[in-house]
Amino acid sequence: MRLPHRSPLLRTGALAIGALLLLSACKYEEVDGVGTRTVDVEHPPQDDVVLDGCHRDELGRWHADVTVTNNSPAVQTYELTIGFYDGDTRLAQRAHWIRALRVDEIAEPDPAWWVESGDRVTDCRLLTVNRFA
């Protein structure tokens, strides 16, 4: 949007500030190999998620065995990304949301959340955790 009667220096300064805010909001950090764009030094979102592995159901679909505990001081929504692997080859990945988890509340992803990869899945890994108030 062009601002009428504004100096080019003012417009350039506003754009620079906007770019800095955008870049700081997109900071990426890893804790123990798990990434997040919602960095919280005091209560890292990675500490709220436990991945105990994955299992195959009777229909041959793979599910991640995940537990999320809200250890932060406020209600939070989580976005998890799990990768399903055959050795070092990622076969599939799925994102899942857990919404409005209260303080100290524990949740697991919906059991309808799965991937089909036949017999090839050897393990699954937590790739990212993002947490939003």
C-alpha atoms as a PDB file:
ATOM      1  CA  MET A   1       0.000   0.000   0.000  1.00  0.00           C
ATOM      2  CA  ARG A   2       1.393   3.355  -0.959  1.00  0.00           C
ATOM      3  CA  LEU A   3       1.253   6.011   1.754  1.00  0.00           C
ATOM      4  CA  PRO A   4       0.442   9.470   0.385  1.00  0.00           C
ATOM      5  CA  HIS A   5       2.719  12.368   1.383  1.00  0.00           C
ATOM      6  CA  ARG A   6       5.164  10.133   3.278  1.00  0.00           C
ATOM      7  CA  SER A   7       8.873  10.283   2.772  1.00  0.00           C
ATOM      8  CA  PRO A   8      10.641   7.325   1.118  1.00  0.00           C
ATOM      9  CA  LEU A   9      12.834   7.057   4.217  1.00  0.00           C
ATOM     10  CA  LEU A  10       9.779   6.566   6.437  1.00  0.00           C
ATOM     11  CA  ARG A  11       8.375   3.894   4.118  1.00  0.00           C
ATOM     12  CA  THR A  12      11.757   2.126   3.987  1.00  0.00           C
ATOM     13  CA  GLY A  13      12.015   2.217   7.794  1.00  0.00           C
ATOM     14  CA  ALA A  14       8.509   0.780   8.176  1.00  0.00           C
ATOM     15  CA  LEU A  15       9.344  -2.019   5.733  1.00  0.00           C
ATOM     16  CA  ALA A  16      12.582  -2.808   7.574  1.00  0.00           C
ATOM     17  CA  ILE A  17      10.801  -3.003  10.922  1.00  0.00           C
ATOM     18  CA  GLY A  18       8.127  -5.251   9.410  1.00  0.00           C
ATOM     19  CA  ALA A  19      10.785  -7.548   7.947  1.00  0.00           C
ATOM     20  CA  LEU A  20      12.581  -7.792  11.306  1.00  0.00           C
ATOM     21  CA  LEU A  21       9.337  -8.667  13.076  1.00  0.00           C
ATOM     22  CA  LEU A  22       8.576 -11.326  10.484  1.00  0.00           C
ATOM     23  CA  LEU A  23      12.056 -12.860  10.754  1.00  0.00           C
ATOM     24  CA  SER A  24      11.971 -12.926  14.554  1.00  0.00           C
ATOM     25  CA  ALA A  25       8.573 -14.649  14.467  1.00  0.00           C
ATOM     26  CA  CYS A  26      10.023 -17.350  12.193  1.00  0.00           C
ATOM     27  CA  LYS A  27      12.989 -18.256  14.386  1.00  0.00           C
ATOM     28  CA  TYR A  28      13.700 -21.965  14.260  1.00  0.00           C
ATOM     29  CA  GLU A  29      15.331 -23.882  17.090  1.00  0.00           C
ATOM     30  CA  GLU A  30      16.062 -27.538  17.773  1.00  0.00           C
ATOM     31  CA  VAL A  31      16.146 -29.280  21.133  1.00  0.00           C
ATOM     32  CA  ASP A  32      17.412 -32.878  21.018  1.00  0.00           C
ATOM     33  CA  GLY A  33      16.855 -32.949  17.247  1.00  0.00           C
ATOM     34  CA  VAL A  34      13.220 -31.773  17.409  1.00  0.00           C
ATOM     35  CA  GLY A  35      12.501 -28.430  15.768  1.00  0.00           C
ATOM     36  CA  THR A  36      10.131 -25.621  16.691  1.00  0.00           C
ATOM     37  CA  ARG A  37       9.203 -22.193  15.413  1.00  0.00           C
ATOM     38  CA  THR A  38       7.579 -21.336  18.753  1.00  0.00           C
ATOM     39  CA  VAL A  39      10.703 -20.971  20.873  1.00  0.00           C
ATOM     40  CA  ASP A  40      10.183 -20.835  24.649  1.00  0.00           C
ATOM     41  CA  VAL A  41      13.377 -21.052  26.689  1.00  0.00           C
ATOM     42  CA  GLU A  42      11.617 -21.514  30.034  1.00  0.00           C
ATOM     43  CA  HIS A  43       9.079 -24.143  28.846  1.00  0.00           C
ATOM     44  CA  PRO A  44      10.310 -25.619  25.517  1.00  0.00           C
ATOM     45  CA  PRO A  45       7.440 -27.189  23.561  1.00  0.00           C
ATOM     46  CA  GLN A  46       9.674 -30.192  22.819  1.00  0.00           C
ATOM     47  CA  ASP A  47       9.586 -31.064  26.547  1.00  0.00           C
ATOM     48  CA  ASP A  48       5.795 -31.461  26.356  1.00  0.00           C
ATOM     49  CA  VAL A  49       5.854 -34.340  23.855  1.00  0.00           C
ATOM     50  CA  VAL A  50       6.843 -37.978  24.358  1.00  0.00           C
ATOM     51  CA  LEU A  51       7.059 -40.275  21.340  1.00  0.00           C
ATOM     52  CA  ASP A  52       7.161 -43.906  22.482  1.00  0.00           C
ATOM     53  CA  GLY A  53       7.474 -45.299  18.960  1.00  0.00           C
ATOM     54  CA  CYS A  54       4.905 -46.445  16.449  1.00  0.00           C
ATOM     55  CA  HIS A  55       2.742 -49.477  15.894  1.00  0.00           C
ATOM     56  CA  ARG A  56       0.807 -51.129  13.102  1.00  0.00           C
ATOM     57  CA  ASP A  57      -2.907 -51.765  13.553  1.00  0.00           C
ATOM     58  CA  GLU A  58      -4.915 -54.769  12.327  1.00  0.00           C
ATOM     59  CA  LEU A  59      -5.559 -53.009   8.999  1.00  0.00           C
ATOM     60  CA  GLY A  60      -1.848 -52.439   8.351  1.00  0.00           C
ATOM     61  CA  ARG A  61      -1.899 -48.714   9.109  1.00  0.00           C
ATOM     62  CA  TRP A  62       0.920 -47.129  11.101  1.00  0.00           C
ATOM     63  CA  HIS A  63       0.207 -44.944  14.145  1.00  0.00           C
ATOM     64  CA  ALA A  64       2.612 -42.906  16.256  1.00  0.00           C
ATOM     65  CA  ASP A  65       2.445 -43.535  20.015  1.00  0.00           C
ATOM     66  CA  VAL A  66       2.546 -39.927  21.221  1.00  0.00           C
ATOM     67  CA  THR A  67       1.613 -38.265  24.507  1.00  0.00           C
ATOM     68  CA  VAL A  68       1.426 -34.488  24.924  1.00  0.00           C
ATOM     69  CA  THR A  69       1.396 -32.876  28.378  1.00  0.00           C
ATOM     70  CA  ASN A  70       0.910 -29.130  28.643  1.00  0.00           C
ATOM     71  CA  ASN A  71       3.737 -28.098  30.988  1.00  0.00           C
ATOM     72  CA  SER A  72       3.339 -24.393  30.266  1.00  0.00           C
ATOM     73  CA  PRO A  73       1.418 -21.971  32.506  1.00  0.00           C
ATOM     74  CA  ALA A  74      -1.449 -21.380  30.016  1.00  0.00           C
ATOM     75  CA  VAL A  75      -3.858 -23.234  27.711  1.00  0.00           C
ATOM     76  CA  GLN A  76      -1.981 -24.249  24.553  1.00  0.00           C
ATOM     77  CA  THR A  77      -2.595 -25.665  21.083  1.00  0.00           C
ATOM     78  CA  TYR A  78       0.041 -27.991  19.636  1.00  0.00           C
ATOM     79  CA  GLU A  79       1.067 -28.825  16.100  1.00  0.00           C
ATOM     80  CA  LEU A  80       3.107 -32.043  15.859  1.00  0.00           C
ATOM     81  CA  THR A  81       4.894 -33.417  12.811  1.00  0.00           C
ATOM     82  CA  ILE A  82       5.899 -37.089  12.885  1.00  0.00           C
ATOM     83  CA  GLY A  83       8.080 -38.771  10.277  1.00  0.00           C
ATOM     84  CA  PHE A  84       7.714 -42.477   9.469  1.00  0.00           C
ATOM     85  CA  TYR A  85      11.005 -44.072   8.378  1.00  0.00           C
ATOM     86  CA  ASP A  86      12.535 -47.139   6.820  1.00  0.00           C
ATOM     87  CA  GLY A  87      16.069 -46.828   8.205  1.00  0.00           C
ATOM     88  CA  ASP A  88      17.191 -43.324   7.191  1.00  0.00           C
ATOM     89  CA  THR A  89      14.580 -42.967   4.425  1.00  0.00           C
ATOM     90  CA  ARG A  90      11.493 -40.942   5.327  1.00  0.00           C
ATOM     91  CA  LEU A  91       8.502 -42.743   3.843  1.00  0.00           C
ATOM     92  CA  ALA A  92       5.818 -40.342   5.030  1.00  0.00           C
ATOM     93  CA  GLN A  93       5.150 -37.585   7.485  1.00  0.00           C
ATOM     94  CA  ARG A  94       1.970 -36.378   9.122  1.00  0.00           C
ATOM     95  CA  ALA A  95       1.051 -33.228  10.990  1.00  0.00           C
ATOM     96  CA  HIS A  96      -1.520 -33.309  13.751  1.00  0.00           C
ATOM     97  CA  TRP A  97      -3.118 -30.617  15.912  1.00  0.00           C
ATOM     98  CA  ILE A  98      -4.093 -30.943  19.555  1.00  0.00           C
ATOM     99  CA  ARG A  99      -6.231 -27.940  20.386  1.00  0.00           C
ATOM    100  CA  ALA A 100      -6.813 -26.066  23.650  1.00  0.00           C
ATOM    101  CA  LEU A 101      -4.872 -28.339  26.001  1.00  0.00           C
ATOM    102  CA  ARG A 102      -5.254 -27.063  29.558  1.00  0.00           C
ATOM    103  CA  VAL A 103      -2.345 -26.692  31.995  1.00  0.00           C
ATOM    104  CA  ASP A 104      -1.104 -30.154  33.101  1.00  0.00           C
ATOM    105  CA  GLU A 105      -3.665 -31.855  30.829  1.00  0.00           C
ATOM    106  CA  ILE A 106      -2.476 -34.909  28.860  1.00  0.00           C
ATOM    107  CA  ALA A 107      -3.642 -35.789  25.347  1.00  0.00           C
ATOM    108  CA  GLU A 108      -2.875 -38.208  22.535  1.00  0.00           C
ATOM    109  CA  PRO A 109      -3.467 -37.699  18.807  1.00  0.00           C
ATOM    110  CA  ASP A 110      -6.708 -38.936  17.317  1.00  0.00           C
ATOM    111  CA  PRO A 111      -6.401 -42.676  16.519  1.00  0.00           C
ATOM    112  CA  ALA A 112      -7.677 -41.913  13.020  1.00  0.00           C
ATOM    113  CA  TRP A 113      -4.301 -40.249  12.388  1.00  0.00           C
ATOM    114  CA  TRP A 114      -2.192 -42.794  10.471  1.00  0.00           C
ATOM    115  CA  VAL A 115      -0.104 -43.582   7.391  1.00  0.00           C
ATOM    116  CA  GLU A 116       0.031 -46.569   5.076  1.00  0.00           C
ATOM    117  CA  SER A 117       3.539 -47.789   4.349  1.00  0.00           C
ATOM    118  CA  GLY A 118       3.203 -51.559   4.410  1.00  0.00           C
ATOM    119  CA  ASP A 119       5.989 -53.459   6.135  1.00  0.00           C
ATOM    120  CA  ARG A 120       8.579 -50.796   5.407  1.00  0.00           C
ATOM    121  CA  VAL A 121       8.243 -48.648   8.551  1.00  0.00           C
ATOM    122  CA  THR A 122      11.098 -49.358  10.951  1.00  0.00           C
ATOM    123  CA  ASP A 123      10.605 -46.357  13.233  1.00  0.00           C
ATOM    124  CA  CYS A 124       8.975 -42.969  13.598  1.00  0.00           C
ATOM    125  CA  ARG A 125      10.466 -39.703  14.775  1.00  0.00           C
ATOM    126  CA  LEU A 126       9.154 -36.456  16.157  1.00  0.00           C
ATOM    127  CA  LEU A 127      10.242 -33.815  13.646  1.00  0.00           C
ATOM    128  CA  THR A 128       8.648 -30.608  14.929  1.00  0.00           C
ATOM    129  CA  VAL A 129       6.497 -29.307  17.765  1.00  0.00           C
ATOM    130  CA  ASN A 130       4.889 -25.888  17.614  1.00  0.00           C
ATOM    131  CA  ARG A 131       2.861 -24.559  20.536  1.00  0.00           C
ATOM    132  CA  PHE A 132       0.439 -21.632  20.416  1.00  0.00           C
ATOM    133  CA  ALA A 133      -1.387 -19.886  23.255  1.00  0.00           C
END
